[in-house]
PDB file of N, CA and C in Angstrom:
ATOM      1  N   MET A   1     -12.741  -7.567 -31.917  1.00  0.00           N
ATOM      2  CA  MET A   1     -12.925  -6.872 -30.876  1.00  0.00           C
ATOM      3  C   MET A   1     -14.117  -6.770 -30.990  1.00  0.00           C
ATOM      4  N   ASP A   2     -15.572  -6.425 -30.251  1.00  0.00           N
ATOM      5  CA  ASP A   2     -16.710  -6.012 -30.245  1.00  0.00           C
ATOM      6  C   ASP A   2     -16.343  -4.916 -29.652  1.00  0.00           C
ATOM      7  N   LEU A   3     -17.784  -3.690 -29.326  1.00  0.00           N
ATOM      8  CA  LEU A   3     -18.160  -2.653 -28.822  1.00  0.00           C
ATOM      9  C   LEU A   3     -17.851  -2.675 -27.266  1.00  0.00           C
ATOM     10  N   MET A   4     -18.509  -3.536 -26.860  1.00  0.00           N
ATOM     11  CA  MET A   4     -18.379  -3.533 -25.060  1.00  0.00           C
ATOM     12  C   MET A   4     -16.771  -3.824 -24.776  1.00  0.00           C
ATOM     13  N   THR A   5     -16.057  -4.637 -25.593  1.00  0.00           N
ATOM     14  CA  THR A   5     -14.993  -4.764 -25.033  1.00  0.00           C
ATOM     15  C   THR A   5     -13.697  -3.218 -25.310  1.00  0.00           C
ATOM     16  N   VAL A   6     -14.308  -2.970 -26.291  1.00  0.00           N
ATOM     17  CA  VAL A   6     -13.515  -1.965 -26.399  1.00  0.00           C
ATOM     18  C   VAL A   6     -14.001  -0.619 -25.439  1.00  0.00           C
ATOM     19  N   LEU A   7     -15.085  -0.606 -25.146  1.00  0.00           N
ATOM     20  CA  LEU A   7     -15.213   0.771 -23.589  1.00  0.00           C
ATOM     21  C   LEU A   7     -15.042   0.179 -22.805  1.00  0.00           C
ATOM     22  N   MET A   8     -15.109  -1.137 -22.367  1.00  0.00           N
ATOM     23  CA  MET A   8     -14.850  -1.694 -21.082  1.00  0.00           C
ATOM     24  C   MET A   8     -12.987  -1.545 -20.976  1.00  0.00           C
ATOM     25  N   LEU A   9     -11.972  -1.330 -22.018  1.00  0.00           N
ATOM     26  CA  LEU A   9     -10.821  -1.658 -21.998  1.00  0.00           C
ATOM     27  C   LEU A   9     -10.864   0.172 -21.672  1.00  0.00           C
ATOM     28  N   ASP A  10     -11.149   0.859 -22.349  1.00  0.00           N
ATOM     29  CA  ASP A  10     -11.131   2.581 -22.530  1.00  0.00           C
ATOM     30  C   ASP A  10     -11.401   3.042 -21.067  1.00  0.00           C
ATOM     31  N   THR A  11     -12.674   2.495 -20.434  1.00  0.00           N
ATOM     32  CA  THR A  11     -13.306   2.687 -19.245  1.00  0.00           C
ATOM     33  C   THR A  11     -12.114   2.157 -17.991  1.00  0.00           C
ATOM     34  N   LEU A  12     -11.035   1.511 -18.148  1.00  0.00           N
ATOM     35  CA  LEU A  12     -10.233   0.690 -16.826  1.00  0.00           C
ATOM     36  C   LEU A  12      -8.984   1.973 -17.485  1.00  0.00           C
ATOM     37  N   ASN A  13      -8.636   2.087 -18.504  1.00  0.00           N
ATOM     38  CA  ASN A  13      -7.843   3.105 -18.956  1.00  0.00           C
ATOM     39  C   ASN A  13      -7.905   4.341 -18.079  1.00  0.00           C
ATOM     40  N   GLY A  14      -9.305   4.704 -18.301  1.00  0.00           N
ATOM     41  CA  GLY A  14      -9.629   6.212 -17.721  1.00  0.00           C
ATOM     42  C   GLY A  14      -9.412   5.856 -16.432  1.00  0.00           C
ATOM     43  N   ILE A  15      -9.917   4.719 -15.672  1.00  0.00           N
ATOM     44  CA  ILE A  15      -9.846   4.896 -14.086  1.00  0.00           C
ATOM     45  C   ILE A  15      -8.571   4.762 -13.727  1.00  0.00           C
ATOM     46  N   ALA A  16      -7.554   3.842 -14.218  1.00  0.00           N
ATOM     47  CA  ALA A  16      -6.249   3.917 -13.921  1.00  0.00           C
ATOM     48  C   ALA A  16      -5.359   5.213 -14.057  1.00  0.00           C
ATOM     49  N   ALA A  17      -6.001   6.274 -14.827  1.00  0.00           N
ATOM     50  CA  ALA A  17      -5.504   7.483 -15.114  1.00  0.00           C
ATOM     51  C   ALA A  17      -5.873   8.500 -14.175  1.00  0.00           C
ATOM     52  N   LEU A  18      -7.296   8.473 -13.649  1.00  0.00           N
ATOM     53  CA  LEU A  18      -7.617   9.093 -12.577  1.00  0.00           C
ATOM     54  C   LEU A  18      -7.175   8.613 -10.797  1.00  0.00           C
ATOM     55  N   GLY A  19      -6.779   7.248 -10.931  1.00  0.00           N
ATOM     56  CA  GLY A  19      -6.398   6.885  -9.766  1.00  0.00           C
ATOM     57  C   GLY A  19      -4.716   7.681 -10.043  1.00  0.00           C
ATOM     58  N   GLY A  20      -4.049   7.732 -11.298  1.00  0.00           N
ATOM     59  CA  GLY A  20      -2.636   8.609 -11.095  1.00  0.00           C
ATOM     60  C   GLY A  20      -2.828   9.903 -10.308  1.00  0.00           C
ATOM     61  N   GLY A  21      -3.632  10.155 -11.442  1.00  0.00           N
ATOM     62  CA  GLY A  21      -4.030  11.775 -10.916  1.00  0.00           C
ATOM     63  C   GLY A  21      -4.008  12.110  -9.657  1.00  0.00           C
ATOM     64  N   ILE A  22      -5.257  11.074  -8.888  1.00  0.00           N
ATOM     65  CA  ILE A  22      -5.598  11.831  -7.424  1.00  0.00           C
ATOM     66  C   ILE A  22      -4.262  11.236  -5.924  1.00  0.00           C
ATOM     67  N   ALA A  23      -3.504  10.492  -6.954  1.00  0.00           N
ATOM     68  CA  ALA A  23      -1.891  10.158  -6.276  1.00  0.00           C
ATOM     69  C   ALA A  23      -1.215  11.101  -6.166  1.00  0.00           C
ATOM     70  N   ALA A  24      -1.068  11.830  -7.534  1.00  0.00           N
ATOM     71  CA  ALA A  24      -0.525  13.075  -7.534  1.00  0.00           C
ATOM     72  C   ALA A  24      -0.763  14.191  -6.714  1.00  0.00           C
ATOM     73  N   ILE A  25      -2.298  14.354  -6.485  1.00  0.00           N
ATOM     74  CA  ILE A  25      -3.125  15.557  -6.197  1.00  0.00           C
ATOM     75  C   ILE A  25      -2.336  15.298  -4.684  1.00  0.00           C
ATOM     76  N   GLY A  26      -2.444  14.095  -3.991  1.00  0.00           N
ATOM     77  CA  GLY A  26      -2.121  13.705  -2.171  1.00  0.00           C
ATOM     78  C   GLY A  26      -0.790  14.039  -2.002  1.00  0.00           C
ATOM     79  N   ALA A  27      -0.089  13.766  -3.114  1.00  0.00           N
ATOM     80  CA  ALA A  27       1.224  14.143  -2.824  1.00  0.00           C
ATOM     81  C   ALA A  27       1.664  15.553  -3.016  1.00  0.00           C
ATOM     82  N   GLY A  28       1.163  16.092  -3.703  1.00  0.00           N
ATOM     83  CA  GLY A  28       1.089  17.889  -3.828  1.00  0.00           C
ATOM     84  C   GLY A  28       0.568  18.468  -2.429  1.00  0.00           C
ATOM     85  N   LEU A  29      -0.597  17.816  -2.058  1.00  0.00           N
ATOM     86  CA  LEU A  29      -1.268  18.218  -0.795  1.00  0.00           C
ATOM     87  C   LEU A  29      -0.220  18.199   0.195  1.00  0.00           C
ATOM     88  N   GLY A  30       0.586  16.829   0.534  1.00  0.00           N
ATOM     89  CA  GLY A  30       1.198  16.466   1.153  1.00  0.00           C
ATOM     90  C   GLY A  30       2.688  17.385   1.507  1.00  0.00           C
ATOM     91  N   ILE A  31       3.046  17.369   0.382  1.00  0.00           N
ATOM     92  CA  ILE A  31       4.269  18.280   0.575  1.00  0.00           C
ATOM     93  C   ILE A  31       3.980  20.058   0.955  1.00  0.00           C
ATOM     94  N   GLY A  32       2.548  20.202   0.243  1.00  0.00           N
ATOM     95  CA  GLY A  32       2.680  21.636   0.532  1.00  0.00           C
ATOM     96  C   GLY A  32       2.111  22.007   2.338  1.00  0.00           C
ATOM     97  N   LYS A  33       1.394  20.852   2.934  1.00  0.00           N
ATOM     98  CA  LYS A  33       1.398  20.836   3.940  1.00  0.00           C
ATOM     99  C   LYS A  33       2.790  20.603   5.049  1.00  0.00           C
ATOM    100  N   ILE A  34       3.683  20.059   4.390  1.00  0.00           N
ATOM    101  CA  ILE A  34       4.765  20.036   5.317  1.00  0.00           C
ATOM    102  C   ILE A  34       5.676  21.509   4.860  1.00  0.00           C
ATOM    103  N   GLY A  35       5.522  21.907   3.681  1.00  0.00           N
ATOM    104  CA  GLY A  35       6.276  23.233   4.066  1.00  0.00           C
ATOM    105  C   GLY A  35       5.630  24.850   4.779  1.00  0.00           C
ATOM    106  N   SER A  36       4.175  24.463   4.955  1.00  0.00           N
ATOM    107  CA  SER A  36       3.236  25.411   5.560  1.00  0.00           C
ATOM    108  C   SER A  36       3.944  24.804   7.459  1.00  0.00           C
ATOM    109  N   SER A  37       3.955  23.632   7.962  1.00  0.00           N
ATOM    110  CA  SER A  37       3.931  23.617   8.891  1.00  0.00           C
ATOM    111  C   SER A  37       5.865  24.173   9.753  1.00  0.00           C
ATOM    112  N   ALA A  38       6.736  23.485   8.166  1.00  0.00           N
ATOM    113  CA  ALA A  38       8.126  23.699   8.465  1.00  0.00           C
ATOM    114  C   ALA A  38       8.360  25.447   8.566  1.00  0.00           C
ATOM    115  N   VAL A  39       7.362  25.969   7.981  1.00  0.00           N
ATOM    116  CA  VAL A  39       7.478  27.802   8.124  1.00  0.00           C
ATOM    117  C   VAL A  39       6.945  28.086   9.424  1.00  0.00           C
ATOM    118  N   GLU A  40       5.939  27.596   9.887  1.00  0.00           N
ATOM    119  CA  GLU A  40       5.372  27.991  11.165  1.00  0.00           C
ATOM    120  C   GLU A  40       6.414  27.337  12.521  1.00  0.00           C
ATOM    121  N   ALA A  41       7.272  25.865  12.041  1.00  0.00           N
ATOM    122  CA  ALA A  41       8.132  25.450  13.142  1.00  0.00           C
ATOM    123  C   ALA A  41       9.061  26.944  12.941  1.00  0.00           C
ATOM    124  N   LEU A  42       9.817  27.282  12.004  1.00  0.00           N
ATOM    125  CA  LEU A  42      10.794  27.945  11.773  1.00  0.00           C
ATOM    126  C   LEU A  42      10.424  29.414  12.341  1.00  0.00           C
ATOM    127  N   ALA A  43       8.977  29.853  12.213  1.00  0.00           N
ATOM    128  CA  ALA A  43       8.860  31.132  13.014  1.00  0.00           C
ATOM    129  C   ALA A  43       8.752  31.015  14.694  1.00  0.00           C
ATOM    130  N   ARG A  44       8.129  29.638  14.900  1.00  0.00           N
ATOM    131  CA  ARG A  44       8.650  29.570  16.501  1.00  0.00           C
ATOM    132  C   ARG A  44       9.816  29.352  17.238  1.00  0.00           C
ATOM    133  N   GLN A  45      10.651  28.609  16.039  1.00  0.00           N
ATOM    134  CA  GLN A  45      11.832  28.427  16.930  1.00  0.00           C
ATOM    135  C   GLN A  45      13.218  28.322  15.952  1.00  0.00           C
ATOM    136  N   PRO A  46      13.711  29.540  15.949  1.00  0.00           N
ATOM    137  CA  PRO A  46      14.556  29.937  14.429  1.00  0.00           C
ATOM    138  C   PRO A  46      15.942  29.237  14.877  1.00  0.00           C
ATOM    139  N   GLU A  47      16.298  28.824  16.162  1.00  0.00           N
ATOM    140  CA  GLU A  47      17.599  28.071  15.947  1.00  0.00           C
ATOM    141  C   GLU A  47      17.618  26.643  15.383  1.00  0.00           C
ATOM    142  N   ALA A  48      16.525  26.052  15.438  1.00  0.00           N
ATOM    143  CA  ALA A  48      16.489  24.452  14.888  1.00  0.00           C
ATOM    144  C   ALA A  48      16.292  24.898  13.248  1.00  0.00           C
ATOM    145  N   GLU A  49      16.922  25.525  13.054  1.00  0.00           N
ATOM    146  CA  GLU A  49      16.784  25.951  11.267  1.00  0.00           C
ATOM    147  C   GLU A  49      17.188  24.569  10.798  1.00  0.00           C
ATOM    148  N   GLY A  50      18.737  24.023  10.788  1.00  0.00           N
ATOM    149  CA  GLY A  50      19.194  22.961  10.181  1.00  0.00           C
ATOM    150  C   GLY A  50      18.509  21.687  10.496  1.00  0.00           C
ATOM    151  N   MET A  51      17.832  21.258  11.522  1.00  0.00           N
ATOM    152  CA  MET A  51      17.612  20.020  11.830  1.00  0.00           C
ATOM    153  C   MET A  51      15.346  19.863  10.821  1.00  0.00           C
ATOM    154  N   ILE A  52      14.981  21.306  11.455  1.00  0.00           N
ATOM    155  CA  ILE A  52      13.608  21.283  10.967  1.00  0.00           C
ATOM    156  C   ILE A  52      13.941  21.170   9.038  1.00  0.00           C
ATOM    157  N   ARG A  53      14.834  22.018   8.663  1.00  0.00           N
ATOM    158  CA  ARG A  53      14.764  22.273   7.134  1.00  0.00           C
ATOM    159  C   ARG A  53      15.208  20.381   6.824  1.00  0.00           C
ATOM    160  N   THR A  54      16.225  19.942   7.177  1.00  0.00           N
ATOM    161  CA  THR A  54      16.778  18.236   6.661  1.00  0.00           C
ATOM    162  C   THR A  54      15.434  17.071   7.016  1.00  0.00           C
ATOM    163  N   ASN A  55      14.482  17.245   7.826  1.00  0.00           N
ATOM    164  CA  ASN A  55      13.222  16.364   8.177  1.00  0.00           C
ATOM    165  C   ASN A  55      12.316  16.905   6.940  1.00  0.00           C
ATOM    166  N   MET A  56      12.116  18.324   6.817  1.00  0.00           N
ATOM    167  CA  MET A  56      11.290  18.628   6.093  1.00  0.00           C
ATOM    168  C   MET A  56      11.737  18.155   4.184  1.00  0.00           C
ATOM    169  N   ILE A  57      12.998  17.990   4.522  1.00  0.00           N
ATOM    170  CA  ILE A  57      13.747  17.480   2.670  1.00  0.00           C
ATOM    171  C   ILE A  57      13.296  16.054   2.741  1.00  0.00           C
ATOM    172  N   ILE A  58      13.791  15.264   3.882  1.00  0.00           N
ATOM    173  CA  ILE A  58      13.528  14.021   3.712  1.00  0.00           C
ATOM    174  C   ILE A  58      12.060  13.529   3.939  1.00  0.00           C
ATOM    175  N   THR A  59      11.230  14.159   4.902  1.00  0.00           N
ATOM    176  CA  THR A  59       9.741  13.317   4.373  1.00  0.00           C
ATOM    177  C   THR A  59       9.173  13.939   3.021  1.00  0.00           C
ATOM    178  N   ALA A  60       9.592  15.016   2.302  1.00  0.00           N
ATOM    179  CA  ALA A  60       9.113  15.497   0.994  1.00  0.00           C
ATOM    180  C   ALA A  60       9.653  14.433   0.239  1.00  0.00           C
ATOM    181  N   ALA A  61      10.795  14.265   0.593  1.00  0.00           N
ATOM    182  CA  ALA A  61      11.484  13.102  -0.900  1.00  0.00           C
ATOM    183  C   ALA A  61      10.351  11.754  -0.544  1.00  0.00           C
ATOM    184  N   LEU A  62      10.410  11.194   0.876  1.00  0.00           N
ATOM    185  CA  LEU A  62       9.513  10.325   0.855  1.00  0.00           C
ATOM    186  C   LEU A  62       8.206  10.326   0.504  1.00  0.00           C
ATOM    187  N   ILE A  63       7.710  11.203   0.305  1.00  0.00           N
ATOM    188  CA  ILE A  63       6.356  11.322  -0.075  1.00  0.00           C
ATOM    189  C   ILE A  63       6.365  11.288  -1.836  1.00  0.00           C
ATOM    190  N   GLU A  64       7.393  12.151  -2.228  1.00  0.00           N
ATOM    191  CA  GLU A  64       7.520  12.133  -3.672  1.00  0.00           C
ATOM    192  C   GLU A  64       7.605  10.788  -4.167  1.00  0.00           C
ATOM    193  N   GLY A  65       8.269   9.709  -3.675  1.00  0.00           N
ATOM    194  CA  GLY A  65       8.655   8.418  -3.786  1.00  0.00           C
ATOM    195  C   GLY A  65       7.518   7.266  -3.700  1.00  0.00           C
ATOM    196  N   VAL A  66       7.055   7.967  -2.759  1.00  0.00           N
ATOM    197  CA  VAL A  66       5.481   6.946  -2.737  1.00  0.00           C
ATOM    198  C   VAL A  66       4.389   7.616  -3.408  1.00  0.00           C
ATOM    199  N   ALA A  67       4.261   8.371  -4.054  1.00  0.00           N
ATOM    200  CA  ALA A  67       3.704   9.675  -4.841  1.00  0.00           C
ATOM    201  C   ALA A  67       3.998   8.549  -6.558  1.00  0.00           C
ATOM    202  N   LEU A  68       5.347   8.463  -6.786  1.00  0.00           N
ATOM    203  CA  LEU A  68       5.258   7.974  -8.177  1.00  0.00           C
ATOM    204  C   LEU A  68       5.654   6.865  -7.868  1.00  0.00           C
ATOM    205  N   PHE A  69       5.386   5.743  -7.010  1.00  0.00           N
ATOM    206  CA  PHE A  69       5.168   4.509  -6.868  1.00  0.00           C
ATOM    207  C   PHE A  69       3.399   4.419  -6.924  1.00  0.00           C
ATOM    208  N   ALA A  70       2.714   4.925  -6.581  1.00  0.00           N
ATOM    209  CA  ALA A  70       1.137   5.264  -6.566  1.00  0.00           C
ATOM    210  C   ALA A  70       0.899   5.381  -8.043  1.00  0.00           C
ATOM    211  N   VAL A  71       1.527   6.536  -8.817  1.00  0.00           N
ATOM    212  CA  VAL A  71       1.130   6.743  -9.847  1.00  0.00           C
ATOM    213  C   VAL A  71       1.336   5.717 -11.300  1.00  0.00           C
ATOM    214  N   VAL A  72       2.605   5.174 -10.631  1.00  0.00           N
ATOM    215  CA  VAL A  72       3.302   3.505 -11.744  1.00  0.00           C
ATOM    216  C   VAL A  72       1.923   2.592 -11.259  1.00  0.00           C
ATOM    217  N   VAL A  73       1.855   2.300 -10.201  1.00  0.00           N
ATOM    218  CA  VAL A  73       1.096   1.253  -9.942  1.00  0.00           C
ATOM    219  C   VAL A  73      -0.205   1.267 -10.666  1.00  0.00           C
ATOM    220  N   ALA A  74      -0.737   2.815 -10.730  1.00  0.00           N
ATOM    221  CA  ALA A  74      -2.166   3.001 -11.324  1.00  0.00           C
ATOM    222  C   ALA A  74      -2.032   2.838 -12.844  1.00  0.00           C
ATOM    223  N   LEU A  75      -1.225   3.115 -13.591  1.00  0.00           N
ATOM    224  CA  LEU A  75      -1.081   3.231 -14.728  1.00  0.00           C
ATOM    225  C   LEU A  75      -0.845   1.852 -14.997  1.00  0.00           C
ATOM    226  N   LEU A  76      -0.119   1.030 -14.470  1.00  0.00           N
ATOM    227  CA  LEU A  76      -0.032  -0.603 -14.984  1.00  0.00           C
ATOM    228  C   LEU A  76      -1.298  -1.123 -14.903  1.00  0.00           C
ATOM    229  N   GLN A  77      -1.820  -0.583 -13.717  1.00  0.00           N
ATOM    230  CA  GLN A  77      -3.316  -1.195 -13.804  1.00  0.00           C
ATOM    231  C   GLN A  77      -4.331  -1.082 -15.445  1.00  0.00           C
ATOM    232  N   GLY A  78      -3.998  -0.259 -15.997  1.00  0.00           N
ATOM    233  CA  GLY A  78      -4.824   0.247 -17.108  1.00  0.00           C
ATOM    234  C   GLY A  78      -4.071  -0.347 -18.061  1.00  0.00           C
TER     235      GLY A  78
END
């Protein structure tokens, strides 16, 4: 294995890790936005607490699932 092949493989692994990191950051931002919107909705309409909380948890779980899938795909590419 020559030097160029090693450098190319290391670069691809680095890009894959960068993609996984971006997916995790995107999920964190999305879940943070869900939390802030839920708190705002509870402040405006406290009687809908159960429905807002349920929708928030379901949406956060879906985002977390997509983020996990994106991280796995990004790392498998490397």
